[in-house]
Amino acid sequence: MDKNITLIGMPGAGKSTVGVILAKILSFEFIDTDILIQTKYKMSLQDIVDRYGYMRLREIEEEVTCSINPTRSVISTGGSVVYSEKSMNHLRNISIVVFLDVSFDNLLKRIKNFKTRGLAKSKDQTFYDLYIERNRLYKKYAQITVDCNDINQEQVAENIVKLAF
Protein backbone atom coordinates (compact mmCIF):
# COMPACT_ATOMS: atom_id res chain seq x y z
CA MET A 1 0.00 0.00 0.00
CA ASP A 2 2.74 2.47 -0.91
CA LYS A 3 0.85 3.87 -3.89
CA ASN A 4 -0.46 7.42 -3.92
CA ILE A 5 -4.09 8.11 -4.78
CA THR A 6 -5.09 11.21 -6.77
CA LEU A 7 -8.69 12.42 -6.73
CA ILE A 8 -10.03 14.29 -9.76
CA GLY A 9 -13.50 15.64 -10.46
CA MET A 10 -15.69 18.68 -10.69
CA PRO A 11 -15.81 21.40 -8.04
CA GLY A 12 -18.26 20.07 -5.45
CA ALA A 13 -17.48 16.41 -6.16
CA GLY A 14 -16.00 16.00 -2.67
CA LYS A 15 -12.31 15.65 -3.53
CA SER A 16 -11.03 17.44 -0.42
CA THR A 17 -13.50 15.87 2.02
CA VAL A 18 -13.13 12.35 0.62
CA GLY A 19 -9.38 12.90 0.43
CA VAL A 20 -9.11 13.60 4.16
CA ILE A 21 -11.27 10.56 5.01
CA LEU A 22 -9.28 8.35 2.66
CA ALA A 23 -5.95 9.57 4.06
CA LYS A 24 -7.14 8.69 7.57
CA ILE A 25 -8.28 5.21 6.50
CA LEU A 26 -4.97 4.50 4.76
CA SER A 27 -2.72 6.38 7.23
CA PHE A 28 -1.50 8.48 4.30
CA GLU A 29 -0.56 12.13 4.07
CA PHE A 30 -3.22 14.42 2.54
CA ILE A 31 -2.22 16.98 -0.10
CA ASP A 32 -4.66 19.50 -1.58
CA THR A 33 -3.17 21.21 -4.64
CA ASP A 34 -5.60 24.14 -4.31
CA ILE A 35 -4.20 24.81 -0.83
CA LEU A 36 -0.63 24.49 -2.15
CA ILE A 37 -1.43 27.13 -4.79
CA GLN A 38 -3.08 29.48 -2.29
CA THR A 39 -0.17 29.11 0.14
CA LYS A 40 2.50 29.64 -2.52
CA TYR A 41 0.80 32.68 -4.09
CA LYS A 42 -0.66 34.05 -0.84
CA MET A 43 -4.07 34.62 -2.43
CA SER A 44 -7.29 32.72 -3.00
CA LEU A 45 -7.98 30.94 -6.27
CA GLN A 46 -10.70 33.49 -6.99
CA ASP A 47 -8.21 36.34 -6.44
CA ILE A 48 -5.82 34.69 -8.92
CA VAL A 49 -8.64 34.39 -11.50
CA ASP A 50 -9.77 37.99 -10.88
CA ARG A 51 -6.25 39.44 -11.08
CA TYR A 52 -4.54 37.28 -13.70
CA GLY A 53 -7.31 35.35 -15.49
CA TYR A 54 -8.41 31.74 -15.50
CA MET A 55 -5.70 30.64 -17.94
CA ARG A 56 -3.01 31.83 -15.55
CA LEU A 57 -4.65 29.81 -12.77
CA ARG A 58 -4.41 26.74 -15.00
CA GLU A 59 -0.70 27.44 -15.65
CA ILE A 60 -0.05 27.81 -11.91
CA GLU A 61 -2.00 24.60 -11.25
CA GLU A 62 0.19 22.73 -13.74
CA GLU A 63 3.38 24.12 -12.22
CA VAL A 64 2.34 23.18 -8.66
CA THR A 65 0.94 19.76 -9.62
CA CYS A 66 4.04 18.75 -11.56
CA SER A 67 6.29 19.81 -8.66
CA ILE A 68 4.83 17.31 -6.17
CA ASN A 69 6.31 13.84 -5.80
CA PRO A 70 4.98 12.40 -2.54
CA THR A 71 4.81 8.87 -1.22
CA ARG A 72 1.88 7.31 0.63
CA SER A 73 -0.32 10.33 -0.03
CA VAL A 74 -3.84 11.16 -1.10
CA ILE A 75 -3.74 14.08 -3.52
CA SER A 76 -6.83 16.22 -4.06
CA THR A 77 -6.56 18.29 -7.22
CA GLY A 78 -8.32 21.35 -8.53
CA GLY A 79 -11.11 20.58 -10.96
CA SER A 80 -9.23 22.09 -13.90
CA VAL A 81 -6.10 19.93 -13.56
CA VAL A 82 -7.37 17.74 -16.42
CA TYR A 83 -6.74 20.51 -18.95
CA SER A 84 -3.03 19.85 -18.54
CA GLU A 85 -1.82 16.67 -20.21
CA LYS A 86 1.54 17.24 -18.52
CA SER A 87 -0.09 17.33 -15.06
CA MET A 88 -2.23 14.29 -15.73
CA ASN A 89 0.71 12.25 -17.05
CA HIS A 90 2.68 13.22 -13.94
CA LEU A 91 -0.19 12.23 -11.64
CA ARG A 92 -0.66 8.92 -13.45
CA ASN A 93 3.06 8.22 -13.03
CA ILE A 94 3.07 8.87 -9.29
CA SER A 95 -0.40 7.64 -8.31
CA ILE A 96 -3.65 5.90 -9.11
CA VAL A 97 -6.01 8.51 -10.57
CA VAL A 98 -9.58 8.24 -9.28
CA PHE A 99 -12.48 10.19 -10.82
CA LEU A 100 -15.20 11.14 -8.35
CA ASP A 101 -18.20 11.08 -10.68
CA VAL A 102 -21.13 13.25 -9.53
CA SER A 103 -24.17 14.17 -11.63
CA PHE A 104 -24.69 17.75 -12.73
CA ASP A 105 -27.88 18.06 -10.64
CA ASN A 106 -26.09 16.87 -7.50
CA LEU A 107 -23.24 19.32 -8.09
CA LEU A 108 -25.75 22.17 -8.31
CA LYS A 109 -27.21 21.09 -4.94
CA ARG A 110 -23.75 21.03 -3.35
CA ILE A 111 -22.18 24.23 -4.67
CA LYS A 112 -23.42 27.49 -3.19
CA ASN A 113 -20.46 29.81 -3.84
CA PHE A 114 -20.00 29.96 -7.63
CA LYS A 115 -18.88 33.60 -7.54
CA THR A 116 -16.08 33.03 -5.03
CA ARG A 117 -15.06 29.46 -5.83
CA GLY A 118 -12.18 30.31 -8.18
CA LEU A 119 -13.44 28.34 -11.17
CA ALA A 120 -10.92 28.22 -14.00
CA LYS A 121 -13.37 28.98 -16.82
CA SER A 122 -14.10 31.76 -19.27
CA LYS A 123 -16.71 34.33 -18.27
CA ASP A 124 -19.11 33.23 -21.01
CA GLN A 125 -18.84 29.51 -20.19
CA THR A 126 -21.72 28.11 -18.13
CA PHE A 127 -21.18 25.61 -15.34
CA TYR A 128 -23.04 23.05 -17.45
CA ASP A 129 -20.67 23.67 -20.39
CA LEU A 130 -17.76 23.21 -18.00
CA TYR A 131 -19.27 19.99 -16.67
CA ILE A 132 -19.67 18.50 -20.16
CA GLU A 133 -16.19 19.58 -21.25
CA ARG A 134 -14.40 18.32 -18.14
CA ASN A 135 -16.29 15.05 -17.70
CA ARG A 136 -14.86 13.81 -20.99
CA LEU A 137 -11.35 14.62 -19.74
CA TYR A 138 -11.89 13.06 -16.30
CA LYS A 139 -12.99 9.82 -17.96
CA LYS A 140 -9.99 9.95 -20.31
CA TYR A 141 -7.42 10.17 -17.51
CA ALA A 142 -9.08 8.20 -14.70
CA GLN A 143 -7.82 4.74 -13.88
CA ILE A 144 -10.74 4.21 -11.50
CA THR A 145 -14.17 5.88 -11.55
CA VAL A 146 -16.39 5.99 -8.47
CA ASP A 147 -20.07 6.90 -8.77
CA CYS A 148 -20.60 9.30 -5.86
CA ASN A 149 -24.27 10.08 -6.39
CA ASP A 150 -26.17 7.93 -3.93
CA ILE A 151 -23.54 7.28 -1.26
CA ASN A 152 -21.93 9.37 1.48
CA GLN A 153 -18.30 10.46 1.55
CA GLU A 154 -17.20 7.65 3.89
CA GLN A 155 -18.69 5.12 1.45
CA VAL A 156 -16.89 6.83 -1.44
CA ALA A 157 -13.58 6.49 0.45
CA GLU A 158 -14.28 2.83 1.26
CA ASN A 159 -15.08 2.13 -2.40
CA ILE A 160 -11.78 3.70 -3.45
CA VAL A 161 -9.87 1.48 -1.03
CA LYS A 162 -11.63 -1.62 -2.41
CA LEU A 163 -10.99 -0.65 -6.03
CA ALA A 164 -7.42 0.64 -5.66
CA PHE A 165 -5.99 -1.99 -3.34
C-alpha atoms as a PDB file:
ATOM      1  CA  MET A   1       0.000   0.000   0.000  1.00  0.00           C
ATOM      2  CA  ASP A   2       2.737   2.474  -0.905  1.00  0.00           C
ATOM      3  CA  LYS A   3       0.848   3.868  -3.885  1.00  0.00           C
ATOM      4  CA  ASN A   4      -0.456   7.422  -3.925  1.00  0.00           C
ATOM      5  CA  ILE A   5      -4.092   8.115  -4.777  1.00  0.00           C
ATOM      6  CA  THR A   6      -5.091  11.214  -6.771  1.00  0.00           C
ATOM      7  CA  LEU A   7      -8.686  12.422  -6.730  1.00  0.00           C
ATOM      8  CA  ILE A   8     -10.030  14.286  -9.765  1.00  0.00           C
ATOM      9  CA  GLY A   9     -13.495  15.639 -10.461  1.00  0.00           C
ATOM     10  CA  MET A  10     -15.693  18.681 -10.692  1.00  0.00           C
ATOM     11  CA  PRO A  11     -15.814  21.398  -8.037  1.00  0.00           C
ATOM     12  CA  GLY A  12     -18.263  20.071  -5.452  1.00  0.00           C
ATOM     13  CA  ALA A  13     -17.475  16.409  -6.164  1.00  0.00           C
ATOM     14  CA  GLY A  14     -16.000  15.999  -2.673  1.00  0.00           C
ATOM     15  CA  LYS A  15     -12.311  15.651  -3.529  1.00  0.00           C
ATOM     16  CA  SER A  16     -11.034  17.438  -0.422  1.00  0.00           C
ATOM     17  CA  THR A  17     -13.501  15.866   2.018  1.00  0.00           C
ATOM     18  CA  VAL A  18     -13.132  12.350   0.618  1.00  0.00           C
ATOM     19  CA  GLY A  19      -9.376  12.898   0.435  1.00  0.00           C
ATOM     20  CA  VAL A  20      -9.107  13.602   4.160  1.00  0.00           C
ATOM     21  CA  ILE A  21     -11.270  10.565   5.013  1.00  0.00           C
ATOM     22  CA  LEU A  22      -9.277   8.351   2.655  1.00  0.00           C
ATOM     23  CA  ALA A  23      -5.955   9.570   4.058  1.00  0.00           C
ATOM     24  CA  LYS A  24      -7.140   8.686   7.575  1.00  0.00           C
ATOM     25  CA  ILE A  25      -8.279   5.208   6.497  1.00  0.00           C
ATOM     26  CA  LEU A  26      -4.965   4.500   4.761  1.00  0.00           C
ATOM     27  CA  SER A  27      -2.719   6.376   7.231  1.00  0.00           C
ATOM     28  CA  PHE A  28      -1.504   8.478   4.298  1.00  0.00           C
ATOM     29  CA  GLU A  29      -0.565  12.131   4.065  1.00  0.00           C
ATOM     30  CA  PHE A  30      -3.223  14.424   2.539  1.00  0.00           C
ATOM     31  CA  ILE A  31      -2.216  16.981  -0.104  1.00  0.00           C
ATOM     32  CA  ASP A  32      -4.663  19.504  -1.579  1.00  0.00           C
ATOM     33  CA  THR A  33      -3.175  21.209  -4.640  1.00  0.00           C
ATOM     34  CA  ASP A  34      -5.602  24.138  -4.305  1.00  0.00           C
ATOM     35  CA  ILE A  35      -4.197  24.814  -0.829  1.00  0.00           C
ATOM     36  CA  LEU A  36      -0.628  24.487  -2.147  1.00  0.00           C
ATOM     37  CA  ILE A  37      -1.433  27.127  -4.789  1.00  0.00           C
ATOM     38  CA  GLN A  38      -3.079  29.482  -2.288  1.00  0.00           C
ATOM     39  CA  THR A  39      -0.171  29.107   0.141  1.00  0.00           C
ATOM     40  CA  LYS A  40       2.499  29.638  -2.518  1.00  0.00           C
ATOM     41  CA  TYR A  41       0.798  32.676  -4.088  1.00  0.00           C
ATOM     42  CA  LYS A  42      -0.660  34.048  -0.838  1.00  0.00           C
ATOM     43  CA  MET A  43      -4.066  34.617  -2.430  1.00  0.00           C
ATOM     44  CA  SER A  44      -7.291  32.724  -2.999  1.00  0.00           C
ATOM     45  CA  LEU A  45      -7.979  30.937  -6.266  1.00  0.00           C
ATOM     46  CA  GLN A  46     -10.696  33.492  -6.994  1.00  0.00           C
ATOM     47  CA  ASP A  47      -8.207  36.342  -6.439  1.00  0.00           C
ATOM     48  CA  ILE A  48      -5.818  34.689  -8.921  1.00  0.00           C
ATOM     49  CA  VAL A  49      -8.636  34.386 -11.496  1.00  0.00           C
ATOM     50  CA  ASP A  50      -9.768  37.992 -10.883  1.00  0.00           C
ATOM     51  CA  ARG A  51      -6.253  39.443 -11.077  1.00  0.00           C
ATOM     52  CA  TYR A  52      -4.536  37.276 -13.703  1.00  0.00           C
ATOM     53  CA  GLY A  53      -7.309  35.353 -15.486  1.00  0.00           C
ATOM     54  CA  TYR A  54      -8.407  31.737 -15.497  1.00  0.00           C
ATOM     55  CA  MET A  55      -5.696  30.635 -17.944  1.00  0.00           C
ATOM     56  CA  ARG A  56      -3.009  31.832 -15.553  1.00  0.00           C
ATOM     57  CA  LEU A  57      -4.646  29.811 -12.771  1.00  0.00           C
ATOM     58  CA  ARG A  58      -4.410  26.738 -15.004  1.00  0.00           C
ATOM     59  CA  GLU A  59      -0.703  27.443 -15.647  1.00  0.00           C
ATOM     60  CA  ILE A  60      -0.051  27.807 -11.911  1.00  0.00           C
ATOM     61  CA  GLU A  61      -1.997  24.600 -11.250  1.00  0.00           C
ATOM     62  CA  GLU A  62       0.189  22.729 -13.743  1.00  0.00           C
ATOM     63  CA  GLU A  63       3.384  24.119 -12.216  1.00  0.00           C
ATOM     64  CA  VAL A  64       2.345  23.181  -8.663  1.00  0.00           C
ATOM     65  CA  THR A  65       0.941  19.762  -9.624  1.00  0.00           C
ATOM     66  CA  CYS A  66       4.043  18.752 -11.562  1.00  0.00           C
ATOM     67  CA  SER A  67       6.287  19.810  -8.656  1.00  0.00           C
ATOM     68  CA  ILE A  68       4.833  17.315  -6.170  1.00  0.00           C
ATOM     69  CA  ASN A  69       6.309  13.838  -5.795  1.00  0.00           C
ATOM     70  CA  PRO A  70       4.977  12.405  -2.543  1.00  0.00           C
ATOM     71  CA  THR A  71       4.806   8.871  -1.220  1.00  0.00           C
ATOM     72  CA  ARG A  72       1.883   7.310   0.627  1.00  0.00           C
ATOM     73  CA  SER A  73      -0.325  10.332  -0.028  1.00  0.00           C
ATOM     74  CA  VAL A  74      -3.845  11.160  -1.100  1.00  0.00           C
ATOM     75  CA  ILE A  75      -3.742  14.083  -3.523  1.00  0.00           C
ATOM     76  CA  SER A  76      -6.831  16.224  -4.061  1.00  0.00           C
ATOM     77  CA  THR A  77      -6.559  18.292  -7.224  1.00  0.00           C
ATOM     78  CA  GLY A  78      -8.316  21.348  -8.529  1.00  0.00           C
ATOM     79  CA  GLY A  79     -11.113  20.582 -10.964  1.00  0.00           C
ATOM     80  CA  SER A  80      -9.234  22.091 -13.896  1.00  0.00           C
ATOM     81  CA  VAL A  81      -6.099  19.933 -13.555  1.00  0.00           C
ATOM     82  CA  VAL A  82      -7.374  17.742 -16.425  1.00  0.00           C
ATOM     83  CA  TYR A  83      -6.744  20.513 -18.945  1.00  0.00           C
ATOM     84  CA  SER A  84      -3.033  19.851 -18.541  1.00  0.00           C
ATOM     85  CA  GLU A  85      -1.823  16.673 -20.210  1.00  0.00           C
ATOM     86  CA  LYS A  86       1.545  17.239 -18.519  1.00  0.00           C
ATOM     87  CA  SER A  87      -0.089  17.329 -15.061  1.00  0.00           C
ATOM     88  CA  MET A  88      -2.235  14.289 -15.732  1.00  0.00           C
ATOM     89  CA  ASN A  89       0.707  12.252 -17.048  1.00  0.00           C
ATOM     90  CA  HIS A  90       2.681  13.217 -13.936  1.00  0.00           C
ATOM     91  CA  LEU A  91      -0.194  12.231 -11.636  1.00  0.00           C
ATOM     92  CA  ARG A  92      -0.664   8.916 -13.451  1.00  0.00           C
ATOM     93  CA  ASN A  93       3.060   8.218 -13.028  1.00  0.00           C
ATOM     94  CA  ILE A  94       3.070   8.875  -9.287  1.00  0.00           C
ATOM     95  CA  SER A  95      -0.404   7.641  -8.305  1.00  0.00           C
ATOM     96  CA  ILE A  96      -3.646   5.895  -9.110  1.00  0.00           C
ATOM     97  CA  VAL A  97      -6.007   8.510 -10.565  1.00  0.00           C
ATOM     98  CA  VAL A  98      -9.584   8.244  -9.277  1.00  0.00           C
ATOM     99  CA  PHE A  99     -12.479  10.185 -10.823  1.00  0.00           C
ATOM    100  CA  LEU A 100     -15.202  11.141  -8.348  1.00  0.00           C
ATOM    101  CA  ASP A 101     -18.199  11.085 -10.676  1.00  0.00           C
ATOM    102  CA  VAL A 102     -21.127  13.254  -9.531  1.00  0.00           C
ATOM    103  CA  SER A 103     -24.174  14.165 -11.628  1.00  0.00           C
ATOM    104  CA  PHE A 104     -24.689  17.747 -12.733  1.00  0.00           C
ATOM    105  CA  ASP A 105     -27.879  18.057 -10.638  1.00  0.00           C
ATOM    106  CA  ASN A 106     -26.089  16.866  -7.504  1.00  0.00           C
ATOM    107  CA  LEU A 107     -23.242  19.325  -8.094  1.00  0.00           C
ATOM    108  CA  LEU A 108     -25.752  22.169  -8.305  1.00  0.00           C
ATOM    109  CA  LYS A 109     -27.214  21.089  -4.945  1.00  0.00           C
ATOM    110  CA  ARG A 110     -23.750  21.026  -3.346  1.00  0.00           C
ATOM    111  CA  ILE A 111     -22.181  24.231  -4.670  1.00  0.00           C
ATOM    112  CA  LYS A 112     -23.420  27.487  -3.187  1.00  0.00           C
ATOM    113  CA  ASN A 113     -20.463  29.809  -3.836  1.00  0.00           C
ATOM    114  CA  PHE A 114     -20.004  29.958  -7.630  1.00  0.00           C
ATOM    115  CA  LYS A 115     -18.882  33.603  -7.540  1.00  0.00           C
ATOM    116  CA  THR A 116     -16.076  33.034  -5.030  1.00  0.00           C
ATOM    117  CA  ARG A 117     -15.063  29.461  -5.833  1.00  0.00           C
ATOM    118  CA  GLY A 118     -12.182  30.309  -8.179  1.00  0.00           C
ATOM    119  CA  LEU A 119     -13.444  28.339 -11.165  1.00  0.00           C
ATOM    120  CA  ALA A 120     -10.921  28.216 -14.004  1.00  0.00           C
ATOM    121  CA  LYS A 121     -13.366  28.975 -16.822  1.00  0.00           C
ATOM    122  CA  SER A 122     -14.100  31.762 -19.269  1.00  0.00           C
ATOM    123  CA  LYS A 123     -16.709  34.331 -18.275  1.00  0.00           C
ATOM    124  CA  ASP A 124     -19.111  33.231 -21.013  1.00  0.00           C
ATOM    125  CA  GLN A 125     -18.841  29.506 -20.195  1.00  0.00           C
ATOM    126  CA  THR A 126     -21.717  28.111 -18.130  1.00  0.00           C
ATOM    127  CA  PHE A 127     -21.180  25.615 -15.337  1.00  0.00           C
ATOM    128  CA  TYR A 128     -23.041  23.051 -17.451  1.00  0.00           C
ATOM    129  CA  ASP A 129     -20.674  23.665 -20.391  1.00  0.00           C
ATOM    130  CA  LEU A 130     -17.757  23.214 -18.002  1.00  0.00           C
ATOM    131  CA  TYR A 131     -19.267  19.987 -16.666  1.00  0.00           C
ATOM    132  CA  ILE A 132     -19.672  18.498 -20.156  1.00  0.00           C
ATOM    133  CA  GLU A 133     -16.190  19.580 -21.253  1.00  0.00           C
ATOM    134  CA  ARG A 134     -14.401  18.324 -18.139  1.00  0.00           C
ATOM    135  CA  ASN A 135     -16.286  15.047 -17.699  1.00  0.00           C
ATOM    136  CA  ARG A 136     -14.862  13.811 -20.994  1.00  0.00           C
ATOM    137  CA  LEU A 137     -11.349  14.618 -19.736  1.00  0.00           C
ATOM    138  CA  TYR A 138     -11.894  13.063 -16.298  1.00  0.00           C
ATOM    139  CA  LYS A 139     -12.987   9.821 -17.964  1.00  0.00           C
ATOM    140  CA  LYS A 140      -9.988   9.946 -20.310  1.00  0.00           C
ATOM    141  CA  TYR A 141      -7.418  10.167 -17.509  1.00  0.00           C
ATOM    142  CA  ALA A 142      -9.081   8.203 -14.696  1.00  0.00           C
ATOM    143  CA  GLN A 143      -7.816   4.739 -13.881  1.00  0.00           C
ATOM    144  CA  ILE A 144     -10.740   4.208 -11.498  1.00  0.00           C
ATOM    145  CA  THR A 145     -14.169   5.881 -11.555  1.00  0.00           C
ATOM    146  CA  VAL A 146     -16.387   5.986  -8.467  1.00  0.00           C
ATOM    147  CA  ASP A 147     -20.070   6.900  -8.769  1.00  0.00           C
ATOM    148  CA  CYS A 148     -20.596   9.301  -5.863  1.00  0.00           C
ATOM    149  CA  ASN A 149     -24.273  10.084  -6.392  1.00  0.00           C
ATOM    150  CA  ASP A 150     -26.174   7.928  -3.926  1.00  0.00           C
ATOM    151  CA  ILE A 151     -23.543   7.282  -1.257  1.00  0.00           C
ATOM    152  CA  ASN A 152     -21.927   9.369   1.480  1.00  0.00           C
ATOM    153  CA  GLN A 153     -18.298  10.461   1.550  1.00  0.00           C
ATOM    154  CA  GLU A 154     -17.202   7.653   3.890  1.00  0.00           C
ATOM    155  CA  GLN A 155     -18.686   5.124   1.454  1.00  0.00           C
ATOM    156  CA  VAL A 156     -16.886   6.827  -1.439  1.00  0.00           C
ATOM    157  CA  ALA A 157     -13.578   6.486   0.450  1.00  0.00           C
ATOM    158  CA  GLU A 158     -14.283   2.828   1.261  1.00  0.00           C
ATOM    159  CA  ASN A 159     -15.079   2.126  -2.404  1.00  0.00           C
ATOM    160  CA  ILE A 160     -11.782   3.699  -3.453  1.00  0.00           C
ATOM    161  CA  VAL A 161      -9.866   1.481  -1.031  1.00  0.00           C
ATOM    162  CA  LYS A 162     -11.630  -1.624  -2.409  1.00  0.00           C
ATOM    163  CA  LEU A 163     -10.993  -0.649  -6.035  1.00  0.00           C
ATOM    164  CA  ALA A 164      -7.425   0.640  -5.660  1.00  0.00           C
ATOM    165  CA  PHE A 165      -5.988  -1.988  -3.343  1.00  0.00           C
END
